[in-house]
Protein backbone atom coordinates (compact mmCIF):
# COMPACT_ATOMS: atom_id res chain seq x y z
CA MET A 1 51.12 49.15 59.78
CA SER A 2 51.11 48.00 56.16
CA VAL A 3 54.56 47.06 54.88
CA PRO A 4 54.80 46.10 51.18
CA PHE A 5 56.76 43.01 50.20
CA TRP A 6 59.34 45.08 48.35
CA ALA A 7 60.18 46.88 51.61
CA TRP A 8 61.05 43.53 53.21
CA LEU A 9 63.25 42.70 50.22
CA ALA A 10 64.91 46.12 50.41
CA VAL A 11 65.72 45.71 54.11
CA LEU A 12 67.15 42.23 53.54
CA ALA A 13 69.22 43.55 50.63
CA VAL A 14 70.62 46.35 52.80
CA ILE A 15 71.52 43.88 55.55
CA VAL A 16 73.29 41.56 53.09
CA LEU A 17 75.13 44.54 51.56
CA MET A 18 76.24 45.78 55.00
CA LEU A 19 77.50 42.31 55.91
CA ALA A 20 79.39 42.09 52.63
CA VAL A 21 81.01 45.49 53.20
CA ASP A 22 81.99 44.49 56.73
CA LEU A 23 83.44 41.18 55.54
CA PHE A 24 85.42 42.90 52.77
CA ALA A 25 86.75 45.54 55.17
CA HIS A 26 88.01 42.80 57.52
CA ARG A 27 89.04 40.21 54.92
CA LYS A 28 92.57 40.15 56.33
CA ALA A 29 92.98 38.94 59.90
CA HIS A 30 94.10 41.76 62.16
CA ALA A 31 93.58 42.89 65.73
CA ILE A 32 90.83 45.52 65.84
CA GLY A 33 91.73 48.46 68.04
CA VAL A 34 89.52 50.80 70.04
CA ARG A 35 89.59 53.56 67.41
CA GLU A 36 88.51 51.24 64.59
CA ALA A 37 85.85 49.66 66.81
CA ALA A 38 84.50 53.10 67.77
CA LEU A 39 84.34 54.12 64.10
CA TRP A 40 82.43 50.99 63.08
CA SER A 41 80.16 51.28 66.13
CA GLY A 42 79.28 54.78 65.01
CA VAL A 43 78.50 53.51 61.52
CA TRP A 44 76.18 50.73 62.75
CA VAL A 45 74.40 52.99 65.25
CA ALA A 46 73.93 55.62 62.52
CA PHE A 47 72.29 52.99 60.28
CA GLY A 48 70.02 51.85 63.12
CA LEU A 49 68.97 55.37 64.08
CA GLY A 50 68.62 56.41 60.45
CA PHE A 51 66.26 53.53 59.75
CA GLY A 52 64.21 54.49 62.80
CA ALA A 53 63.97 58.06 61.52
CA LEU A 54 62.77 56.69 58.17
CA VAL A 55 60.08 54.61 59.90
CA TRP A 56 59.02 57.67 61.90
CA HIS A 57 58.79 59.79 58.73
CA ILE A 58 56.79 57.24 56.71
CA TYR A 59 54.56 55.61 59.33
CA GLY A 60 54.32 58.27 62.01
CA ALA A 61 55.52 58.91 65.55
CA GLU A 62 53.86 55.90 67.22
CA PHE A 63 55.57 53.31 65.03
CA GLY A 64 58.81 55.26 65.08
CA GLN A 65 58.80 55.25 68.88
CA GLN A 66 57.98 51.54 68.92
CA TYR A 67 61.01 50.87 66.70
CA PHE A 68 63.33 52.93 68.89
CA ALA A 69 62.02 51.25 72.06
CA GLY A 70 62.68 47.83 70.52
CA TYR A 71 66.09 48.90 69.21
CA LEU A 72 67.09 50.22 72.64
CA ILE A 73 65.99 47.01 74.36
CA GLU A 74 67.89 44.81 71.90
CA LYS A 75 71.00 47.00 71.98
CA SER A 76 71.13 47.05 75.77
CA LEU A 77 70.56 43.31 76.17
CA ALA A 78 73.27 42.75 73.56
CA VAL A 79 75.81 44.37 75.88
CA ASP A 80 75.43 41.46 78.31
CA ASN A 81 75.92 39.11 75.35
CA VAL A 82 79.12 40.95 74.45
CA PHE A 83 80.50 40.35 77.93
CA ILE A 84 79.77 36.62 77.62
CA TRP A 85 81.69 36.59 74.33
CA ALA A 86 84.64 38.20 76.08
CA ILE A 87 84.66 35.41 78.68
CA ILE A 88 84.51 32.75 75.94
CA PHE A 89 87.32 34.31 73.90
CA THR A 90 89.45 34.72 77.02
CA TYR A 91 88.97 31.12 78.14
CA PHE A 92 89.90 29.76 74.71
CA ALA A 93 92.74 32.29 74.36
CA VAL A 94 91.50 33.13 70.87
CA PRO A 95 94.04 35.42 69.18
CA ARG A 96 92.47 38.87 68.81
CA GLU A 97 93.03 38.91 65.05
CA TYR A 98 90.78 35.84 64.63
CA GLN A 99 87.91 37.04 66.80
CA HIS A 100 86.19 39.13 64.13
CA ARG A 101 85.76 36.10 61.86
CA VAL A 102 84.03 34.17 64.63
CA LEU A 103 81.75 37.09 65.43
CA PHE A 104 80.92 37.68 61.77
CA PHE A 105 79.57 34.17 61.28
CA GLY A 106 78.04 34.31 64.75
CA VAL A 107 76.06 37.41 63.76
CA VAL A 108 74.94 35.81 60.49
CA GLY A 109 73.67 32.82 62.46
CA ALA A 110 72.02 35.12 64.99
CA LEU A 111 70.11 36.93 62.24
CA ILE A 112 68.85 33.62 60.85
CA PHE A 113 67.82 32.16 64.22
CA ARG A 114 66.18 35.37 65.41
CA GLY A 115 64.25 35.61 62.17
CA ILE A 116 62.92 32.11 62.85
CA PHE A 117 62.08 32.96 66.49
CA ILE A 118 60.32 36.18 65.48
CA ALA A 119 58.23 34.42 62.84
CA ALA A 120 57.33 31.66 65.32
CA GLY A 121 56.54 34.13 68.10
CA SER A 122 54.33 36.21 65.84
CA ALA A 123 52.41 33.15 64.66
CA ILE A 124 51.91 31.91 68.22
CA ILE A 125 50.66 35.29 69.45
CA ALA A 126 48.29 35.62 66.48
CA SER A 127 46.74 32.19 67.09
CA ALA A 128 46.80 32.17 70.89
CA GLY A 129 46.71 35.60 72.50
CA TRP A 130 46.84 34.11 75.99
CA VAL A 131 50.50 33.23 75.37
CA LEU A 132 51.25 36.89 76.17
CA TYR A 133 50.63 36.03 79.82
CA LEU A 134 53.32 33.35 79.59
CA PHE A 135 55.73 35.78 77.90
CA ALA A 136 55.08 38.37 80.61
CA ALA A 137 55.58 35.85 83.41
CA PHE A 138 58.78 34.61 81.75
CA LEU A 139 60.18 38.16 81.52
CA LEU A 140 59.35 38.88 85.16
CA LEU A 141 60.97 35.63 86.28
CA THR A 142 64.03 36.24 84.09
CA GLY A 143 64.45 39.74 85.49
CA TYR A 144 64.20 38.45 89.05
CA ARG A 145 66.72 35.67 88.40
CA MET A 146 69.09 38.11 86.70
CA ILE A 147 69.12 40.30 89.82
CA ARG A 148 69.53 37.32 92.12
CA HIS A 149 72.40 35.85 90.10
CA ARG A 150 73.94 39.13 88.94
CA ASN A 151 77.38 38.13 90.21
CA ASP A 152 77.39 34.72 88.51
CA HIS A 153 79.46 34.32 85.35
CA LEU A 154 79.68 31.78 82.57
CA ASP A 155 82.34 29.11 83.05
CA PRO A 156 83.19 27.73 79.56
CA GLU A 157 85.11 24.83 81.12
CA LYS A 158 81.84 23.51 82.59
CA SER A 159 79.81 24.11 79.44
CA ARG A 160 77.78 21.04 78.44
CA ILE A 161 77.77 22.27 74.85
CA LEU A 162 81.56 22.32 74.76
CA LYS A 163 81.80 18.85 76.34
CA LEU A 164 79.29 17.46 73.85
CA PHE A 165 81.09 19.10 70.94
CA ARG A 166 84.48 17.71 71.94
CA ARG A 167 82.99 14.27 72.48
CA ARG A 168 81.16 14.14 69.14
CA VAL A 169 83.41 16.16 66.83
CA PRO A 170 87.09 15.27 66.19
CA MET A 171 89.06 18.40 67.02
CA THR A 172 92.66 19.60 66.98
CA ASP A 173 94.40 21.08 70.00
CA ASP A 174 95.71 24.11 68.10
CA PHE A 175 94.31 27.11 66.25
CA HIS A 176 95.20 27.04 62.57
CA GLY A 177 94.82 30.65 61.52
CA GLN A 178 91.20 31.58 60.79
CA ARG A 179 90.28 28.05 59.71
CA PHE A 180 87.27 26.34 61.26
CA LEU A 181 88.14 22.99 59.65
CA ILE A 182 91.37 21.36 58.49
CA ARG A 183 92.34 18.06 56.88
CA ARG A 184 95.10 16.01 58.47
CA ASN A 185 96.12 12.50 57.39
CA GLY A 186 93.02 12.35 55.25
CA ALA A 187 90.63 13.15 58.11
CA VAL A 188 88.66 16.39 58.46
CA LEU A 189 89.08 17.92 61.91
CA ALA A 190 87.47 20.89 63.62
CA THR A 191 89.73 23.56 65.07
CA PRO A 192 89.11 25.22 68.46
CA LEU A 193 87.81 28.22 66.48
CA LEU A 194 84.78 26.16 65.39
CA ALA A 195 84.10 25.20 69.01
CA VAL A 196 84.20 28.90 69.91
CA LEU A 197 81.75 29.70 67.09
CA VAL A 198 79.35 27.03 68.36
CA LEU A 199 79.45 28.46 71.90
CA VAL A 200 78.93 32.01 70.60
CA GLU A 201 75.94 30.85 68.55
CA VAL A 202 74.40 28.93 71.44
CA THR A 203 74.75 31.88 73.82
CA ASP A 204 73.00 34.15 71.33
CA ILE A 205 70.13 31.67 71.00
CA ILE A 206 69.81 31.66 74.80
CA PHE A 207 69.77 35.46 74.88
CA ALA A 208 67.19 35.54 72.08
CA VAL A 209 64.82 33.62 74.34
CA ASP A 210 64.81 36.71 76.60
CA SER A 211 65.03 39.48 74.04
CA ILE A 212 62.36 38.35 71.56
CA PRO A 213 59.52 38.31 74.14
CA ALA A 214 60.85 41.63 75.49
CA ILE A 215 60.55 43.41 72.16
CA PHE A 216 57.07 41.98 71.56
CA ALA A 217 56.10 43.85 74.73
CA VAL A 218 56.71 47.21 73.02
CA THR A 219 55.47 46.45 69.50
CA ASP A 220 53.27 43.89 67.79
CA GLU A 221 54.60 44.77 64.32
CA VAL A 222 56.75 41.94 62.98
CA PHE A 223 58.55 44.32 60.61
CA LEU A 224 59.63 46.53 63.51
CA VAL A 225 60.57 43.55 65.67
CA PHE A 226 62.80 42.12 62.95
CA THR A 227 64.45 45.37 61.85
CA ALA A 228 65.12 46.51 65.44
CA ASN A 229 66.75 43.13 66.11
CA ALA A 230 68.72 43.16 62.87
CA PHE A 231 70.17 46.67 63.21
CA ALA A 232 71.01 46.07 66.87
CA ILE A 233 72.76 42.77 66.08
CA LEU A 234 74.73 44.13 63.13
CA GLY A 235 76.71 46.39 65.44
CA LEU A 236 77.60 43.70 67.97
CA ARG A 237 81.04 42.92 66.54
CA ALA A 238 82.21 46.52 66.77
CA MET A 239 80.59 46.85 70.18
CA TYR A 240 82.52 43.81 71.40
CA PHE A 241 85.92 45.26 70.46
CA LEU A 242 84.89 48.58 71.99
CA LEU A 243 83.61 47.24 75.33
CA ALA A 244 85.33 43.89 75.91
CA ASP A 245 88.08 45.50 78.00
CA LEU A 246 85.56 47.46 80.08
CA ILE A 247 83.56 44.59 81.58
CA HIS A 248 84.87 45.37 85.06
CA ARG A 249 83.38 48.88 84.92
CA PHE A 250 79.73 48.03 84.15
CA ILE A 251 79.04 46.77 87.66
CA TYR A 252 75.37 47.83 87.79
CA LEU A 253 74.42 47.10 84.18
CA LYS A 254 73.00 43.66 84.94
CA ILE A 255 70.65 45.18 87.50
CA GLY A 256 69.57 47.74 84.92
CA LEU A 257 68.92 45.06 82.31
CA ALA A 258 66.94 43.04 84.84
CA LEU A 259 64.78 46.07 85.65
CA VAL A 260 64.18 46.62 81.92
CA LEU A 261 62.96 43.03 81.56
CA ILE A 262 60.72 43.44 84.61
CA TRP A 263 59.33 46.72 83.22
CA VAL A 264 58.52 45.29 79.77
CA GLY A 265 57.08 42.18 81.45
CA LEU A 266 54.71 44.40 83.45
CA LYS A 267 53.89 46.39 80.31
CA MET A 268 53.00 43.20 78.44
CA LEU A 269 50.94 41.90 81.38
CA LEU A 270 48.96 45.13 81.65
CA LYS A 271 48.34 45.62 77.94
CA VAL A 272 46.56 42.27 77.52
CA ASP A 273 43.32 43.33 79.25
CA ILE A 274 44.02 46.17 81.67
CA TYR A 275 45.96 49.19 80.38
CA TYR A 276 48.19 50.04 77.45
CA ILE A 277 51.22 52.00 78.63
CA PRO A 278 51.95 54.68 75.99
CA THR A 279 55.06 54.02 73.92
CA PRO A 280 56.72 57.40 74.75
CA LEU A 281 56.43 56.63 78.48
CA SER A 282 57.76 53.10 77.97
CA LEU A 283 60.69 54.41 75.91
CA ALA A 284 61.48 57.05 78.54
CA VAL A 285 61.45 54.49 81.36
CA ILE A 286 63.75 52.10 79.48
CA ALA A 287 66.18 54.89 78.56
CA THR A 288 66.21 56.17 82.16
CA ILE A 289 66.87 52.75 83.67
CA LEU A 290 69.73 52.07 81.27
CA GLY A 291 71.16 55.58 81.58
CA VAL A 292 71.17 55.47 85.38
CA SER A 293 72.68 51.96 85.55
CA ILE A 294 75.45 52.81 83.07
CA GLY A 295 76.14 56.23 84.60
CA ALA A 296 76.25 54.83 88.13
CA SER A 297 78.58 52.04 87.00
CA LEU A 298 81.03 54.40 85.33
CA TRP A 299 80.93 56.79 88.28
CA ALA A 300 81.55 54.03 90.83
CA THR A 301 84.51 52.69 88.83
CA ARG A 302 85.97 56.02 87.74
CA GLY A 303 89.73 56.01 87.45
CA GLN A 304 89.92 52.35 86.44
CA ALA A 305 91.73 51.78 83.15
CA ARG A 306 90.79 49.38 80.37
CA ARG A 307 91.90 45.82 81.01
CA ALA A 308 91.24 42.51 79.36
CA PRO A 309 89.31 39.81 81.24
CA THR A 310 91.49 37.55 83.35
CA ALA A 311 92.77 34.62 81.31
CA PRO A 312 93.13 31.09 82.73
CA ALA A 313 96.55 30.11 84.05
CA HIS A 314 96.96 27.50 81.33
CA SER A 315 95.41 27.96 77.93
CA PRO A 316 93.49 24.82 76.80
CA PHE A 317 94.64 25.28 73.19
CA GLY A 318 97.77 26.28 71.36
CA THR A 319 98.52 27.96 68.03
CA ALA A 320 99.92 26.12 65.03
CA SER A 321 103.08 27.50 63.47
CA ALA A 322 103.19 28.97 59.97
CA GLU A 323 105.04 25.86 58.78
CA GLU A 324 102.35 23.55 60.19
CA ILE A 325 99.62 25.59 58.52
CA ALA A 326 101.45 25.59 55.19
CA ALA A 327 101.83 21.81 55.34
CA LEU A 328 98.09 21.18 55.75
CA GLU A 329 96.33 19.07 53.17
CA PRO A 330 93.68 20.81 51.01
CA LEU A 331 90.37 20.74 52.84
CA TRP A 332 88.41 19.93 49.71
CA ARG A 333 90.22 17.12 47.96
CA ARG A 334 90.50 17.09 44.20
CA ARG A 335 89.72 13.98 42.25
CA SER A 336 92.75 11.71 42.23
CA ALA A 337 95.01 12.36 39.25
CA THR A 338 96.04 8.70 39.18
CA LYS A 339 92.57 7.60 38.22
CA ALA A 340 92.69 6.61 34.55
CA SER A 341 90.26 8.26 32.19
CA PRO A 342 87.99 6.13 29.98
CA SER A 343 89.91 7.14 26.86
CA ALA A 344 93.23 6.17 28.39
CA SER A 345 91.82 2.80 29.45
CA SER A 346 90.58 2.09 25.91
CA LYS A 347 93.99 2.93 24.46
CA ARG A 348 95.69 0.49 26.81
CA GLN A 349 93.28 -2.19 25.70
C-alpha cells in the first residue's frame, strides 16, 4: 500500500479541522444531552465509515476490510475506556458541563500518544519480526485477565497516579469553572479538573497498550493503523455522553472484548509462520463477537432505565462560587506597572 506524503498531510488537516469544529461548537460550557450526543456520534461514525469507503475505493477491498477491522476493534475497546471515564467523573463529581473540556484535551493527548506508539510499534516490528510473538502472547494474556477480572472496577481513590499528583502538584479543593489552573495569592495552583485530565490521559495510555498490538494483528499498514485509531478516538467524547448512563446494561461487553483480544492474538500468532486468516473472516468474527455480547447484554437488562453511575457519599471536591471565580488573579501576570521605564528614570535624574 503506497500512501503519498500529501495524503498523510490531508488526513492530519482533516483531523485538526474536525477538532476545531468540535471545540467551536462546544466553546460554551453546557451539559450535553442524549440527543446532542447521538447527533455528534452519528457525525463521527459517518466520518470514520466514509474514510473507510474511500480507502476501499482507492486501494481495493483487502485494505478497505483491514481498515474496517481495525476501526471496529478500536471503537469497541474504546467503549470500555468510556466506562472508566464515567467512573472517574463520578468519583470527582465533575459537573457535567465541564466534562466535554476534559475529554477534548484528553482526546488530543490520546491522538499524540497513540501516534507515538504506532510509530514505535511499526519500527519495532520492521526491525524485529519475532516481536509479533510477544504481541500475540500479550493479547492472549490480556484477554484471559479481562475475563478473570471482568467484575473488577477502577477505584480512583486508590489511584497511585492521583496520589502522586496531589503530593507533587499544589491543588485547590474546588472546581473553578473550566479552568485547569488558577492563581491565588501569587501562587499558581492546579484545580481538580487538571487532576481528572491527568487520570483520563493515563487511562487512555494504558488502554493503548492493548489496542495498538490488537490492530497490528489485522493490518501491517501504518496508515491504516493510524487512521483507524484516529477516527475511532475522535468520536469518544460523543460516545461518552451517549453511553455513560448505560454502564449497568453492558454486562457481557467485557467478555466480548476479551474474546476479541484473544481472537486477534491467535490471528497474529498464526500469521507469523503458520496461516494467514483472511481479513473478511477476521472482520466477521470480530463483528459477531461484539454483536452477540452487546445484544445479550441489552436483552438480559431489558426494562432497565438510564441511570448515572453511583456517586460517593461525600464528594472529595467542591465548586467555587461565581464571586470566588471573579475574584481570581490573572493566571498570566502582566509586567508590573510600578516598574519605572528607562526614560522616566532619566528624567528623574
